[in-house]
Amino acid sequence: MQNDLIKALEEVLDLERAALVEGDLDRLGNTAPEKEKLIGAINELQVLDSQDLIRVQQKVERNQTLLNSAADGIRAVANRMSELRRVRQEFSTYDAAGQRNGFAVRGKAKLEKRA
């Protein structure tokens, strides 16, 4: 029973790692409920010391590092997108004193063609 749970958890952790490496956030979200269920079942067995659990713990830590990196990447993209939106809405310059001056950019500028 214990070995089956640990083996199943390892498989889920390997799937989670693959999803993280491939950037497949949908598949990543699908692994979370199964992972939580298996961890809960293993905790109920109260197995404290096992080479298998040490290996699983190492996989959990590896995946947590990948999850943290993915979250950092997502935050960086969100910040960059926010900056790009701001740049499209405002033109900034600096005066001789180093003070920033912002000028609102008109909505969609239209180019008129004349014959």
Protein backbone atom coordinates (compact mmCIF):
# COMPACT_ATOMS: atom_id res chain seq x y z
CA MET A 1 0.00 0.00 0.00
CA GLN A 2 2.67 2.49 1.07
CA ASN A 3 4.92 1.69 -1.89
CA ASP A 4 1.98 2.01 -4.31
CA LEU A 5 1.14 5.47 -2.94
CA ILE A 6 4.75 6.59 -3.10
CA LYS A 7 5.14 5.27 -6.65
CA ALA A 8 1.92 7.04 -7.72
CA LEU A 9 3.12 10.29 -6.10
CA GLU A 10 6.46 10.01 -7.91
CA GLU A 11 4.64 9.60 -11.21
CA VAL A 12 2.53 12.69 -10.52
CA LEU A 13 5.66 14.65 -9.54
CA ASP A 14 7.35 13.58 -12.77
CA LEU A 15 4.28 14.71 -14.75
CA GLU A 16 4.30 17.99 -12.84
CA ARG A 17 7.99 18.50 -13.67
CA ALA A 18 7.36 17.80 -17.36
CA ALA A 19 4.50 20.32 -17.37
CA LEU A 20 6.72 22.92 -15.70
CA VAL A 21 9.61 22.38 -18.09
CA GLU A 22 7.26 22.57 -21.09
CA GLY A 23 5.40 25.59 -19.70
CA ASP A 24 2.07 23.75 -19.87
CA LEU A 25 0.15 25.56 -17.13
CA ASP A 26 -3.14 23.78 -17.89
CA ARG A 27 -1.59 20.36 -17.40
CA LEU A 28 0.22 21.66 -14.32
CA GLY A 29 -3.09 22.67 -12.76
CA ASN A 30 -4.48 19.21 -13.42
CA THR A 31 -1.72 17.51 -11.40
CA ALA A 32 -2.28 19.51 -8.20
CA PRO A 33 -5.44 17.75 -6.89
CA GLU A 34 -3.96 14.27 -7.41
CA LYS A 35 -0.69 15.30 -5.79
CA GLU A 36 -2.50 16.71 -2.74
CA LYS A 37 -4.62 13.56 -2.41
CA LEU A 38 -1.57 11.28 -2.54
CA ILE A 39 0.41 13.38 -0.07
CA GLY A 40 -2.54 13.30 2.31
CA ALA A 41 -2.80 9.52 2.02
CA ILE A 42 0.92 9.09 2.67
CA ASN A 43 0.74 11.42 5.67
CA GLU A 44 -2.07 9.31 7.13
CA LEU A 45 0.22 6.26 7.03
CA GLN A 46 2.67 8.15 9.26
CA VAL A 47 5.74 6.78 7.55
CA LEU A 48 8.60 8.84 8.90
CA ASP A 49 11.77 7.35 7.46
CA SER A 50 12.13 5.69 4.12
CA GLN A 51 14.52 5.94 1.19
CA ASP A 52 11.44 6.20 -1.02
CA LEU A 53 10.16 9.21 0.94
CA ILE A 54 13.58 10.85 0.78
CA ARG A 55 13.51 10.46 -3.02
CA VAL A 56 9.97 11.88 -3.16
CA GLN A 57 11.03 14.82 -0.96
CA GLN A 58 13.88 15.57 -3.36
CA LYS A 59 11.44 15.57 -6.27
CA VAL A 60 9.06 17.86 -4.39
CA GLU A 61 11.91 20.29 -3.69
CA ARG A 62 13.04 20.14 -7.33
CA ASN A 63 9.51 20.91 -8.53
CA GLN A 64 9.11 23.71 -5.99
CA THR A 65 12.23 25.37 -7.39
CA LEU A 66 10.76 25.08 -10.90
CA LEU A 67 7.41 26.44 -9.68
CA ASN A 68 9.14 29.43 -8.11
CA SER A 69 11.03 30.10 -11.34
CA ALA A 70 7.83 29.85 -13.38
CA ALA A 71 6.08 32.29 -11.03
CA ASP A 72 9.02 34.71 -11.33
CA GLY A 73 8.80 34.47 -15.11
CA ILE A 74 5.07 35.12 -15.12
CA ARG A 75 5.54 38.16 -12.86
CA ALA A 76 8.29 39.49 -15.16
CA VAL A 77 6.02 39.14 -18.20
CA ALA A 78 3.15 40.86 -16.38
CA ASN A 79 5.43 43.73 -15.36
CA ARG A 80 6.77 44.08 -18.90
CA MET A 81 3.26 44.10 -20.37
CA SER A 82 2.22 46.76 -17.86
CA GLU A 83 5.23 48.87 -18.84
CA LEU A 84 4.41 48.50 -22.53
CA ARG A 85 0.80 49.59 -21.91
CA ARG A 86 2.08 52.62 -20.02
CA VAL A 87 4.47 53.51 -22.84
CA ARG A 88 1.65 53.34 -25.39
CA GLN A 89 -0.48 55.68 -23.31
CA GLU A 90 2.14 58.23 -22.38
CA PHE A 91 5.19 59.80 -23.95
CA SER A 92 7.79 60.81 -21.36
CA THR A 93 10.69 63.19 -21.57
CA TYR A 94 13.06 64.70 -19.03
CA ASP A 95 13.87 68.38 -18.72
CA ALA A 96 17.27 69.93 -18.03
CA ALA A 97 16.70 69.54 -14.29
CA GLY A 98 16.05 65.82 -14.69
CA GLN A 99 12.34 66.11 -13.98
CA ARG A 100 10.09 63.77 -15.87
CA ASN A 101 7.36 65.22 -18.06
CA GLY A 102 4.62 62.94 -19.31
CA PHE A 103 2.39 63.66 -22.26
CA ALA A 104 -0.74 61.64 -22.90
CA VAL A 105 -0.77 59.95 -26.26
CA ARG A 106 -3.94 60.31 -28.30
CA GLY A 107 -6.01 57.22 -28.88
CA LYS A 108 -5.68 55.55 -32.22
CA ALA A 109 -4.16 58.06 -34.57
CA LYS A 110 -5.57 57.77 -38.06
CA LEU A 111 -3.61 58.35 -41.17
CA GLU A 112 -5.61 60.07 -43.84
CA LYS A 113 -4.73 59.33 -47.44
CA ARG A 114 -5.27 62.08 -49.94
CA ALA A 115 -5.04 61.70 -53.64
